[in-house]
Amino acid sequence: MKKCSNCGKEFPEAALKKMVQITGKKAHIKRICPFCQSIVLNNPTYYYLIEDKRQ
């Protein structure tokens, strides 16, 4: 169980989406729950994090 970076409620890790919030010249990785995603998607400073799985 991990906490949502936005609301602080605990969710299974599979339910949380990794997103990047860009503020100024910094990027912060956030875990966002399904409920907060609708709010965050309307914010232009958040982007989905796409991880490269090549090894």
N, C-alpha and C. Protein backbone atom coordinates (compact mmCIF):
# COMPACT_ATOMS: atom_id res chain seq x y z
N MET A 1 0.85 -1.18 0.00
CA MET A 1 0.00 0.00 0.00
C MET A 1 0.90 1.25 0.00
N LYS A 2 0.56 2.16 -0.89
CA LYS A 2 1.28 3.43 -0.99
C LYS A 2 0.27 4.56 -0.91
N LYS A 3 0.74 5.73 -0.51
CA LYS A 3 -0.14 6.89 -0.39
C LYS A 3 -0.15 7.70 -1.68
N CYS A 4 -1.30 8.24 -1.97
CA CYS A 4 -1.45 9.17 -3.09
C CYS A 4 -0.72 10.47 -2.73
N SER A 5 0.04 11.00 -3.66
CA SER A 5 0.78 12.24 -3.40
C SER A 5 -0.14 13.45 -3.31
N ASN A 6 -1.34 13.33 -3.83
CA ASN A 6 -2.27 14.46 -3.85
C ASN A 6 -3.18 14.47 -2.62
N CYS A 7 -3.88 13.36 -2.35
CA CYS A 7 -4.85 13.35 -1.25
C CYS A 7 -4.33 12.65 0.01
N GLY A 8 -3.32 11.79 -0.12
CA GLY A 8 -2.73 11.14 1.04
C GLY A 8 -3.41 9.83 1.45
N LYS A 9 -4.43 9.39 0.72
CA LYS A 9 -5.09 8.13 1.04
C LYS A 9 -4.26 6.96 0.52
N GLU A 10 -4.36 5.81 1.20
CA GLU A 10 -3.58 4.64 0.81
C GLU A 10 -4.32 3.82 -0.24
N PHE A 11 -3.56 3.37 -1.25
CA PHE A 11 -4.08 2.55 -2.33
C PHE A 11 -3.06 1.47 -2.65
N PRO A 12 -3.49 0.36 -3.28
CA PRO A 12 -2.51 -0.61 -3.77
C PRO A 12 -1.62 0.06 -4.82
N GLU A 13 -0.38 -0.35 -4.88
CA GLU A 13 0.57 0.30 -5.78
C GLU A 13 0.14 0.21 -7.25
N ALA A 14 -0.56 -0.87 -7.62
CA ALA A 14 -1.00 -1.03 -9.00
C ALA A 14 -2.07 0.00 -9.40
N ALA A 15 -2.80 0.53 -8.44
CA ALA A 15 -3.86 1.51 -8.73
C ALA A 15 -3.31 2.92 -8.92
N LEU A 16 -2.12 3.19 -8.43
CA LEU A 16 -1.55 4.53 -8.52
C LEU A 16 -0.80 4.70 -9.83
N LYS A 17 -0.99 5.84 -10.47
CA LYS A 17 -0.29 6.17 -11.70
C LYS A 17 0.88 7.08 -11.36
N LYS A 18 2.03 6.80 -11.96
CA LYS A 18 3.18 7.67 -11.77
C LYS A 18 3.06 8.83 -12.74
N MET A 19 3.16 10.03 -12.20
CA MET A 19 3.09 11.23 -13.02
C MET A 19 4.23 12.15 -12.64
N VAL A 20 4.57 13.05 -13.54
CA VAL A 20 5.62 14.02 -13.30
C VAL A 20 4.97 15.39 -13.21
N GLN A 21 5.31 16.13 -12.16
CA GLN A 21 4.84 17.51 -12.03
C GLN A 21 6.03 18.42 -12.26
N ILE A 22 5.90 19.31 -13.21
CA ILE A 22 6.98 20.24 -13.53
C ILE A 22 6.63 21.59 -12.93
N THR A 23 7.50 22.05 -12.03
CA THR A 23 7.32 23.36 -11.40
C THR A 23 8.62 24.13 -11.57
N GLY A 24 8.55 25.22 -12.29
CA GLY A 24 9.76 25.99 -12.55
C GLY A 24 10.73 25.17 -13.37
N LYS A 25 11.92 24.95 -12.83
CA LYS A 25 12.93 24.15 -13.54
C LYS A 25 13.11 22.78 -12.90
N LYS A 26 12.15 22.37 -12.06
CA LYS A 26 12.26 21.08 -11.37
C LYS A 26 11.13 20.16 -11.78
N ALA A 27 11.42 18.85 -11.76
CA ALA A 27 10.40 17.84 -12.04
C ALA A 27 10.28 16.93 -10.83
N HIS A 28 9.07 16.68 -10.39
CA HIS A 28 8.81 15.85 -9.21
C HIS A 28 7.96 14.66 -9.63
N ILE A 29 8.37 13.45 -9.22
CA ILE A 29 7.58 12.26 -9.52
C ILE A 29 6.52 12.10 -8.44
N LYS A 30 5.28 11.97 -8.85
CA LYS A 30 4.14 11.84 -7.94
C LYS A 30 3.39 10.56 -8.25
N ARG A 31 2.78 9.97 -7.24
CA ARG A 31 1.87 8.83 -7.42
C ARG A 31 0.46 9.34 -7.20
N ILE A 32 -0.39 9.19 -8.22
CA ILE A 32 -1.72 9.77 -8.19
C ILE A 32 -2.77 8.67 -8.23
N CYS A 33 -3.76 8.74 -7.33
CA CYS A 33 -4.82 7.74 -7.25
C CYS A 33 -5.86 8.00 -8.35
N PRO A 34 -6.73 7.01 -8.62
CA PRO A 34 -7.74 7.19 -9.67
C PRO A 34 -8.68 8.37 -9.43
N PHE A 35 -8.96 8.68 -8.18
CA PHE A 35 -9.88 9.79 -7.88
C PHE A 35 -9.24 11.14 -8.18
N CYS A 36 -7.96 11.28 -7.87
CA CYS A 36 -7.26 12.55 -8.08
C CYS A 36 -6.83 12.74 -9.53
N GLN A 37 -6.82 11.67 -10.33
CA GLN A 37 -6.39 11.80 -11.71
C GLN A 37 -7.28 12.75 -12.51
N SER A 38 -8.57 12.75 -12.22
CA SER A 38 -9.46 13.65 -12.96
C SER A 38 -9.13 15.12 -12.66
N ILE A 39 -8.69 15.40 -11.46
CA ILE A 39 -8.30 16.77 -11.10
C ILE A 39 -6.96 17.11 -11.72
N VAL A 40 -6.02 16.18 -11.61
CA VAL A 40 -4.65 16.41 -12.06
C VAL A 40 -4.57 16.53 -13.58
N LEU A 41 -5.40 15.79 -14.31
CA LEU A 41 -5.34 15.83 -15.77
C LEU A 41 -5.72 17.19 -16.34
N ASN A 42 -6.46 17.99 -15.58
CA ASN A 42 -6.81 19.34 -16.03
C ASN A 42 -5.73 20.37 -15.68
N ASN A 43 -4.66 19.91 -15.02
CA ASN A 43 -3.56 20.78 -14.64
C ASN A 43 -2.43 20.61 -15.65
N PRO A 44 -2.03 21.68 -16.35
CA PRO A 44 -1.01 21.54 -17.40
C PRO A 44 0.41 21.27 -16.88
N THR A 45 0.63 21.24 -15.58
CA THR A 45 1.97 20.97 -15.06
C THR A 45 2.20 19.49 -14.80
N TYR A 46 1.19 18.63 -15.00
CA TYR A 46 1.31 17.19 -14.76
C TYR A 46 1.37 16.44 -16.08
N TYR A 47 2.24 15.44 -16.13
CA TYR A 47 2.39 14.58 -17.31
C TYR A 47 2.54 13.14 -16.84
N TYR A 48 2.07 12.18 -17.65
CA TYR A 48 2.26 10.77 -17.32
C TYR A 48 3.74 10.42 -17.45
N LEU A 49 4.23 9.61 -16.54
CA LEU A 49 5.60 9.14 -16.60
C LEU A 49 5.63 7.85 -17.40
N ILE A 50 6.42 7.83 -18.44
CA ILE A 50 6.57 6.62 -19.25
C ILE A 50 7.96 6.08 -18.99
N GLU A 51 7.99 4.87 -18.45
CA GLU A 51 9.27 4.25 -18.11
C GLU A 51 9.73 3.35 -19.25
N ASP A 52 10.99 3.44 -19.58
CA ASP A 52 11.58 2.61 -20.61
C ASP A 52 11.93 1.27 -19.99
N LYS A 53 11.39 0.18 -20.51
CA LYS A 53 11.59 -1.14 -19.91
C LYS A 53 12.68 -1.93 -20.64
N ARG A 54 13.41 -1.28 -21.53
CA ARG A 54 14.51 -1.98 -22.20
C ARG A 54 15.66 -2.17 -21.22
N GLN A 55 16.38 -3.27 -21.40
CA GLN A 55 17.52 -3.52 -20.51
C GLN A 55 18.78 -3.69 -21.27
